[in-house]
Amino acid sequence: MPIKSYLVHPHDGKKEELLQELSTMASCEVVPAQNMEIIALVTETETKQEEEVLKARLESIKSLKLLALVSGFNTPQ
């Protein structure tokens, strides 16, 4: 079960839009920073294929400027 955490940077003025879109996605937990224009994102998927689909969906979000992987691990099943 892949679990990954990211720092997410929105395009200027798009933080709220990005928060709303990320919040609707399954397998995602979203934590906005209180004092900066960044978002912490934790994803948990069941399979490698599900992880790849989620990553592609994240990368297609227009309000997202940068998605930086902070850590990731895979729990053996």
PDB file of N, CA and C in Angstrom:
ATOM      1  N   MET A   1       0.844  -1.167   0.000  1.00  0.00           N
ATOM      2  CA  MET A   1       0.000   0.000   0.000  1.00  0.00           C
ATOM      3  C   MET A   1       0.896   1.238   0.000  1.00  0.00           C
ATOM      4  N   PRO A   2       1.046   1.910  -1.159  1.00  0.00           N
ATOM      5  CA  PRO A   2       1.880   3.111  -1.209  1.00  0.00           C
ATOM      6  C   PRO A   2       1.268   4.282  -0.430  1.00  0.00           C
ATOM      7  N   ILE A   3       2.087   4.881   0.426  1.00  0.00           N
ATOM      8  CA  ILE A   3       1.711   6.093   1.155  1.00  0.00           C
ATOM      9  C   ILE A   3       2.785   7.128   0.834  1.00  0.00           C
ATOM     10  N   LYS A   4       2.346   8.298   0.374  1.00  0.00           N
ATOM     11  CA  LYS A   4       3.292   9.351  -0.010  1.00  0.00           C
ATOM     12  C   LYS A   4       2.832  10.680   0.549  1.00  0.00           C
ATOM     13  N   SER A   5       3.800  11.544   0.837  1.00  0.00           N
ATOM     14  CA  SER A   5       3.466  12.899   1.265  1.00  0.00           C
ATOM     15  C   SER A   5       4.162  13.889   0.332  1.00  0.00           C
ATOM     16  N   TYR A   6       3.437  14.956   0.048  1.00  0.00           N
ATOM     17  CA  TYR A   6       3.907  15.969  -0.895  1.00  0.00           C
ATOM     18  C   TYR A   6       3.751  17.361  -0.303  1.00  0.00           C
ATOM     19  N   LEU A   7       4.582  18.281  -0.761  1.00  0.00           N
ATOM     20  CA  LEU A   7       4.333  19.707  -0.597  1.00  0.00           C
ATOM     21  C   LEU A   7       3.787  20.164  -1.941  1.00  0.00           C
ATOM     22  N   VAL A   8       2.646  20.825  -1.891  1.00  0.00           N
ATOM     23  CA  VAL A   8       1.953  21.243  -3.108  1.00  0.00           C
ATOM     24  C   VAL A   8       1.971  22.766  -3.177  1.00  0.00           C
ATOM     25  N   HIS A   9       2.446  23.285  -4.289  1.00  0.00           N
ATOM     26  CA  HIS A   9       2.508  24.731  -4.497  1.00  0.00           C
ATOM     27  C   HIS A   9       1.502  25.106  -5.580  1.00  0.00           C
ATOM     28  N   PRO A  10       0.552  25.988  -5.251  1.00  0.00           N
ATOM     29  CA  PRO A  10      -0.421  26.430  -6.260  1.00  0.00           C
ATOM     30  C   PRO A  10       0.149  27.568  -7.099  1.00  0.00           C
ATOM     31  N   HIS A  11      -0.463  27.800  -8.259  1.00  0.00           N
ATOM     32  CA  HIS A  11      -0.160  29.014  -9.015  1.00  0.00           C
ATOM     33  C   HIS A  11      -0.641  30.203  -8.188  1.00  0.00           C
ATOM     34  N   ASP A  12      -0.089  31.367  -8.423  1.00  0.00           N
ATOM     35  CA  ASP A  12      -0.447  32.572  -7.669  1.00  0.00           C
ATOM     36  C   ASP A  12      -1.958  32.780  -7.649  1.00  0.00           C
ATOM     37  N   GLY A  13      -2.492  32.961  -6.451  1.00  0.00           N
ATOM     38  CA  GLY A  13      -3.908  33.233  -6.279  1.00  0.00           C
ATOM     39  C   GLY A  13      -4.825  32.040  -6.460  1.00  0.00           C
ATOM     40  N   LYS A  14      -4.281  30.840  -6.582  1.00  0.00           N
ATOM     41  CA  LYS A  14      -5.082  29.653  -6.865  1.00  0.00           C
ATOM     42  C   LYS A  14      -5.125  28.646  -5.707  1.00  0.00           C
ATOM     43  N   LYS A  15      -4.687  29.058  -4.515  1.00  0.00           N
ATOM     44  CA  LYS A  15      -4.625  28.117  -3.395  1.00  0.00           C
ATOM     45  C   LYS A  15      -6.006  27.543  -3.049  1.00  0.00           C
ATOM     46  N   GLU A  16      -7.018  28.388  -2.944  1.00  0.00           N
ATOM     47  CA  GLU A  16      -8.356  27.916  -2.575  1.00  0.00           C
ATOM     48  C   GLU A  16      -8.925  26.977  -3.634  1.00  0.00           C
ATOM     49  N   GLU A  17      -8.729  27.322  -4.891  1.00  0.00           N
ATOM     50  CA  GLU A  17      -9.190  26.468  -5.994  1.00  0.00           C
ATOM     51  C   GLU A  17      -8.516  25.094  -5.924  1.00  0.00           C
ATOM     52  N   LEU A  18      -7.211  25.097  -5.680  1.00  0.00           N
ATOM     53  CA  LEU A  18      -6.460  23.856  -5.572  1.00  0.00           C
ATOM     54  C   LEU A  18      -6.908  23.048  -4.362  1.00  0.00           C
ATOM     55  N   LEU A  19      -7.115  23.709  -3.233  1.00  0.00           N
ATOM     56  CA  LEU A  19      -7.606  23.024  -2.030  1.00  0.00           C
ATOM     57  C   LEU A  19      -8.929  22.323  -2.298  1.00  0.00           C
ATOM     58  N   GLN A  20      -9.843  22.999  -2.960  1.00  0.00           N
ATOM     59  CA  GLN A  20     -11.145  22.413  -3.248  1.00  0.00           C
ATOM     60  C   GLN A  20     -11.013  21.181  -4.130  1.00  0.00           C
ATOM     61  N   GLU A  21     -10.188  21.265  -5.159  1.00  0.00           N
ATOM     62  CA  GLU A  21     -10.036  20.134  -6.068  1.00  0.00           C
ATOM     63  C   GLU A  21      -9.365  18.944  -5.372  1.00  0.00           C
ATOM     64  N   LEU A  22      -8.314  19.196  -4.609  1.00  0.00           N
ATOM     65  CA  LEU A  22      -7.636  18.109  -3.904  1.00  0.00           C
ATOM     66  C   LEU A  22      -8.548  17.463  -2.861  1.00  0.00           C
ATOM     67  N   SER A  23      -9.371  18.262  -2.209  1.00  0.00           N
ATOM     68  CA  SER A  23     -10.261  17.758  -1.158  1.00  0.00           C
ATOM     69  C   SER A  23     -11.313  16.793  -1.685  1.00  0.00           C
ATOM     70  N   THR A  24     -11.632  16.877  -2.963  1.00  0.00           N
ATOM     71  CA  THR A  24     -12.644  15.989  -3.536  1.00  0.00           C
ATOM     72  C   THR A  24     -12.074  14.664  -4.022  1.00  0.00           C
ATOM     73  N   MET A  25     -10.756  14.543  -4.014  1.00  0.00           N
ATOM     74  CA  MET A  25     -10.122  13.342  -4.548  1.00  0.00           C
ATOM     75  C   MET A  25     -10.031  12.245  -3.487  1.00  0.00           C
ATOM     76  N   ALA A  26     -10.427  11.044  -3.880  1.00  0.00           N
ATOM     77  CA  ALA A  26     -10.296   9.894  -2.988  1.00  0.00           C
ATOM     78  C   ALA A  26      -8.815   9.605  -2.765  1.00  0.00           C
ATOM     79  N   SER A  27      -8.484   9.003  -1.658  1.00  0.00           N
ATOM     80  CA  SER A  27      -7.114   8.606  -1.305  1.00  0.00           C
ATOM     81  C   SER A  27      -6.221   9.775  -0.931  1.00  0.00           C
ATOM     82  N   CYS A  28      -6.791  10.975  -0.724  1.00  0.00           N
ATOM     83  CA  CYS A  28      -5.998  12.152  -0.409  1.00  0.00           C
ATOM     84  C   CYS A  28      -6.444  12.788   0.901  1.00  0.00           C
ATOM     85  N   GLU A  29      -5.457  13.191   1.703  1.00  0.00           N
ATOM     86  CA  GLU A  29      -5.719  14.010   2.883  1.00  0.00           C
ATOM     87  C   GLU A  29      -4.980  15.327   2.672  1.00  0.00           C
ATOM     88  N   VAL A  30      -5.697  16.434   2.825  1.00  0.00           N
ATOM     89  CA  VAL A  30      -5.169  17.757   2.498  1.00  0.00           C
ATOM     90  C   VAL A  30      -5.057  18.592   3.767  1.00  0.00           C
ATOM     91  N   VAL A  31      -3.880  19.233   3.953  1.00  0.00           N
ATOM     92  CA  VAL A  31      -3.662  20.114   5.103  1.00  0.00           C
ATOM     93  C   VAL A  31      -3.053  21.412   4.584  1.00  0.00           C
ATOM     94  N   PRO A  32      -3.835  22.501   4.555  1.00  0.00           N
ATOM     95  CA  PRO A  32      -3.281  23.778   4.079  1.00  0.00           C
ATOM     96  C   PRO A  32      -2.394  24.417   5.141  1.00  0.00           C
ATOM     97  N   ALA A  33      -1.333  25.057   4.697  1.00  0.00           N
ATOM     98  CA  ALA A  33      -0.481  25.818   5.619  1.00  0.00           C
ATOM     99  C   ALA A  33      -1.237  27.060   6.058  1.00  0.00           C
ATOM    100  N   GLN A  34      -1.064  27.462   7.303  1.00  0.00           N
ATOM    101  CA  GLN A  34      -1.752  28.629   7.829  1.00  0.00           C
ATOM    102  C   GLN A  34      -1.096  29.943   7.389  1.00  0.00           C
ATOM    103  N   ASN A  35       0.211  29.932   7.189  1.00  0.00           N
ATOM    104  CA  ASN A  35       0.918  31.184   6.940  1.00  0.00           C
ATOM    105  C   ASN A  35       1.662  31.234   5.601  1.00  0.00           C
ATOM    106  N   MET A  36       1.447  30.262   4.754  1.00  0.00           N
ATOM    107  CA  MET A  36       2.141  30.234   3.463  1.00  0.00           C
ATOM    108  C   MET A  36       1.199  29.727   2.394  1.00  0.00           C
ATOM    109  N   GLU A  37       1.576  29.935   1.167  1.00  0.00           N
ATOM    110  CA  GLU A  37       0.771  29.486   0.037  1.00  0.00           C
ATOM    111  C   GLU A  37       1.177  28.075  -0.385  1.00  0.00           C
ATOM    112  N   ILE A  38       1.220  27.151   0.573  1.00  0.00           N
ATOM    113  CA  ILE A  38       1.520  25.761   0.250  1.00  0.00           C
ATOM    114  C   ILE A  38       0.496  24.860   0.931  1.00  0.00           C
ATOM    115  N   ILE A  39       0.451  23.621   0.477  1.00  0.00           N
ATOM    116  CA  ILE A  39      -0.470  22.624   0.998  1.00  0.00           C
ATOM    117  C   ILE A  39       0.312  21.341   1.235  1.00  0.00           C
ATOM    118  N   ALA A  40       0.064  20.690   2.361  1.00  0.00           N
ATOM    119  CA  ALA A  40       0.619  19.360   2.600  1.00  0.00           C
ATOM    120  C   ALA A  40      -0.422  18.358   2.118  1.00  0.00           C
ATOM    121  N   LEU A  41       0.012  17.370   1.372  1.00  0.00           N
ATOM    122  CA  LEU A  41      -0.880  16.366   0.808  1.00  0.00           C
ATOM    123  C   LEU A  41      -0.332  14.984   1.138  1.00  0.00           C
ATOM    124  N   VAL A  42      -1.183  14.128   1.704  1.00  0.00           N
ATOM    125  CA  VAL A  42      -0.811  12.741   1.977  1.00  0.00           C
ATOM    126  C   VAL A  42      -1.738  11.859   1.157  1.00  0.00           C
ATOM    127  N   THR A  43      -1.148  10.938   0.397  1.00  0.00           N
ATOM    128  CA  THR A  43      -1.939  10.022  -0.417  1.00  0.00           C
ATOM    129  C   THR A  43      -1.707   8.593   0.059  1.00  0.00           C
ATOM    130  N   GLU A  44      -2.749   7.794  -0.034  1.00  0.00           N
ATOM    131  CA  GLU A  44      -2.658   6.373   0.315  1.00  0.00           C
ATOM    132  C   GLU A  44      -3.472   5.590  -0.702  1.00  0.00           C
ATOM    133  N   THR A  45      -2.815   4.722  -1.417  1.00  0.00           N
ATOM    134  CA  THR A  45      -3.473   3.925  -2.439  1.00  0.00           C
ATOM    135  C   THR A  45      -3.253   2.444  -2.155  1.00  0.00           C
ATOM    136  N   GLU A  46      -4.069   1.614  -2.761  1.00  0.00           N
ATOM    137  CA  GLU A  46      -3.997   0.170  -2.522  1.00  0.00           C
ATOM    138  C   GLU A  46      -2.986  -0.545  -3.413  1.00  0.00           C
ATOM    139  N   THR A  47      -2.794  -0.032  -4.625  1.00  0.00           N
ATOM    140  CA  THR A  47      -1.909  -0.704  -5.577  1.00  0.00           C
ATOM    141  C   THR A  47      -1.008   0.301  -6.285  1.00  0.00           C
ATOM    142  N   LYS A  48       0.016  -0.203  -6.918  1.00  0.00           N
ATOM    143  CA  LYS A  48       0.924   0.629  -7.710  1.00  0.00           C
ATOM    144  C   LYS A  48       0.163   1.281  -8.873  1.00  0.00           C
ATOM    145  N   GLN A  49      -0.735   0.527  -9.491  1.00  0.00           N
ATOM    146  CA  GLN A  49      -1.521   1.065 -10.602  1.00  0.00           C
ATOM    147  C   GLN A  49      -2.424   2.202 -10.129  1.00  0.00           C
ATOM    148  N   GLU A  50      -3.073   2.042  -8.993  1.00  0.00           N
ATOM    149  CA  GLU A  50      -3.918   3.100  -8.437  1.00  0.00           C
ATOM    150  C   GLU A  50      -3.081   4.342  -8.126  1.00  0.00           C
ATOM    151  N   GLU A  51      -1.867   4.141  -7.637  1.00  0.00           N
ATOM    152  CA  GLU A  51      -0.951   5.257  -7.353  1.00  0.00           C
ATOM    153  C   GLU A  51      -0.603   6.017  -8.633  1.00  0.00           C
ATOM    154  N   GLU A  52      -0.344   5.288  -9.709  1.00  0.00           N
ATOM    155  CA  GLU A  52       0.000   5.929 -10.980  1.00  0.00           C
ATOM    156  C   GLU A  52      -1.170   6.733 -11.540  1.00  0.00           C
ATOM    157  N   VAL A  53      -2.393   6.212 -11.399  1.00  0.00           N
ATOM    158  CA  VAL A  53      -3.581   6.925 -11.860  1.00  0.00           C
ATOM    159  C   VAL A  53      -3.762   8.209 -11.046  1.00  0.00           C
ATOM    160  N   LEU A  54      -3.587   8.106  -9.727  1.00  0.00           N
ATOM    161  CA  LEU A  54      -3.711   9.276  -8.851  1.00  0.00           C
ATOM    162  C   LEU A  54      -2.658  10.318  -9.197  1.00  0.00           C
ATOM    163  N   LYS A  55      -1.423   9.901  -9.407  1.00  0.00           N
ATOM    164  CA  LYS A  55      -0.345  10.838  -9.750  1.00  0.00           C
ATOM    165  C   LYS A  55      -0.646  11.565 -11.057  1.00  0.00           C
ATOM    166  N   ALA A  56      -1.137  10.845 -12.044  1.00  0.00           N
ATOM    167  CA  ALA A  56      -1.489  11.473 -13.325  1.00  0.00           C
ATOM    168  C   ALA A  56      -2.614  12.478 -13.134  1.00  0.00           C
ATOM    169  N   ARG A  57      -3.582  12.136 -12.302  1.00  0.00           N
ATOM    170  CA  ARG A  57      -4.696  13.052 -12.041  1.00  0.00           C
ATOM    171  C   ARG A  57      -4.194  14.309 -11.322  1.00  0.00           C
ATOM    172  N   LEU A  58      -3.304  14.129 -10.342  1.00  0.00           N
ATOM    173  CA  LEU A  58      -2.740  15.280  -9.634  1.00  0.00           C
ATOM    174  C   LEU A  58      -1.987  16.197 -10.598  1.00  0.00           C
ATOM    175  N   GLU A  59      -1.191  15.611 -11.456  1.00  0.00           N
ATOM    176  CA  GLU A  59      -0.376  16.395 -12.384  1.00  0.00           C
ATOM    177  C   GLU A  59      -1.204  17.117 -13.441  1.00  0.00           C
ATOM    178  N   SER A  60      -2.460  16.729 -13.604  1.00  0.00           N
ATOM    179  CA  SER A  60      -3.314  17.380 -14.605  1.00  0.00           C
ATOM    180  C   SER A  60      -4.079  18.583 -14.051  1.00  0.00           C
ATOM    181  N   ILE A  61      -3.970  18.850 -12.753  1.00  0.00           N
ATOM    182  CA  ILE A  61      -4.690  19.961 -12.142  1.00  0.00           C
ATOM    183  C   ILE A  61      -4.055  21.281 -12.578  1.00  0.00           C
ATOM    184  N   LYS A  62      -4.851  22.150 -13.170  1.00  0.00           N
ATOM    185  CA  LYS A  62      -4.328  23.394 -13.743  1.00  0.00           C
ATOM    186  C   LYS A  62      -3.862  24.404 -12.698  1.00  0.00           C
ATOM    187  N   SER A  63      -4.452  24.393 -11.492  1.00  0.00           N
ATOM    188  CA  SER A  63      -4.059  25.353 -10.453  1.00  0.00           C
ATOM    189  C   SER A  63      -2.798  24.916  -9.711  1.00  0.00           C
ATOM    190  N   LEU A  64      -2.305  23.716  -9.998  1.00  0.00           N
ATOM    191  CA  LEU A  64      -1.105  23.179  -9.341  1.00  0.00           C
ATOM    192  C   LEU A  64       0.146  23.643 -10.087  1.00  0.00           C
ATOM    193  N   LYS A  65       1.047  24.272  -9.363  1.00  0.00           N
ATOM    194  CA  LYS A  65       2.300  24.755  -9.959  1.00  0.00           C
ATOM    195  C   LYS A  65       3.417  23.731  -9.786  1.00  0.00           C
ATOM    196  N   LEU A  66       3.536  23.162  -8.562  1.00  0.00           N
ATOM    197  CA  LEU A  66       4.624  22.244  -8.255  1.00  0.00           C
ATOM    198  C   LEU A  66       4.153  21.201  -7.256  1.00  0.00           C
ATOM    199  N   LEU A  67       4.495  19.963  -7.514  1.00  0.00           N
ATOM    200  CA  LEU A  67       4.188  18.841  -6.632  1.00  0.00           C
ATOM    201  C   LEU A  67       5.515  18.218  -6.226  1.00  0.00           C
ATOM    202  N   ALA A  68       5.927  18.425  -4.961  1.00  0.00           N
ATOM    203  CA  ALA A  68       7.232  17.947  -4.494  1.00  0.00           C
ATOM    204  C   ALA A  68       7.044  16.778  -3.527  1.00  0.00           C
ATOM    205  N   LEU A  69       7.524  15.603  -3.917  1.00  0.00           N
ATOM    206  CA  LEU A  69       7.449  14.430  -3.053  1.00  0.00           C
ATOM    207  C   LEU A  69       8.380  14.627  -1.861  1.00  0.00           C
ATOM    208  N   VAL A  70       7.833  14.478  -0.655  1.00  0.00           N
ATOM    209  CA  VAL A  70       8.621  14.633   0.564  1.00  0.00           C
ATOM    210  C   VAL A  70       9.080  13.263   1.062  1.00  0.00           C
ATOM    211  N   SER A  71       8.156  12.315   1.101  1.00  0.00           N
ATOM    212  CA  SER A  71       8.537  10.945   1.469  1.00  0.00           C
ATOM    213  C   SER A  71       7.508   9.985   0.911  1.00  0.00           C
ATOM    214  N   GLY A  72       7.941   8.758   0.750  1.00  0.00           N
ATOM    215  CA  GLY A  72       7.033   7.732   0.275  1.00  0.00           C
ATOM    216  C   GLY A  72       7.541   6.371   0.684  1.00  0.00           C
ATOM    217  N   PHE A  73       6.610   5.485   0.982  1.00  0.00           N
ATOM    218  CA  PHE A  73       6.991   4.110   1.266  1.00  0.00           C
ATOM    219  C   PHE A  73       5.855   3.190   0.874  1.00  0.00           C
ATOM    220  N   ASN A  74       6.197   1.928   0.734  1.00  0.00           N
ATOM    221  CA  ASN A  74       5.247   0.910   0.322  1.00  0.00           C
ATOM    222  C   ASN A  74       5.219  -0.178   1.371  1.00  0.00           C
ATOM    223  N   THR A  75       4.069  -0.396   1.974  1.00  0.00           N
ATOM    224  CA  THR A  75       3.922  -1.426   2.979  1.00  0.00           C
ATOM    225  C   THR A  75       3.707  -2.771   2.290  1.00  0.00           C
ATOM    226  N   PRO A  76       4.520  -3.775   2.601  1.00  0.00           N
ATOM    227  CA  PRO A  76       4.319  -5.090   1.986  1.00  0.00           C
ATOM    228  C   PRO A  76       2.950  -5.664   2.351  1.00  0.00           C
ATOM    229  N   GLN A  77       2.330  -6.331   1.370  1.00  0.00           N
ATOM    230  CA  GLN A  77       1.012  -6.904   1.604  1.00  0.00           C
ATOM    231  C   GLN A  77       1.098  -8.367   1.911  1.00  0.00           C
TER     232      GLN A  77
END
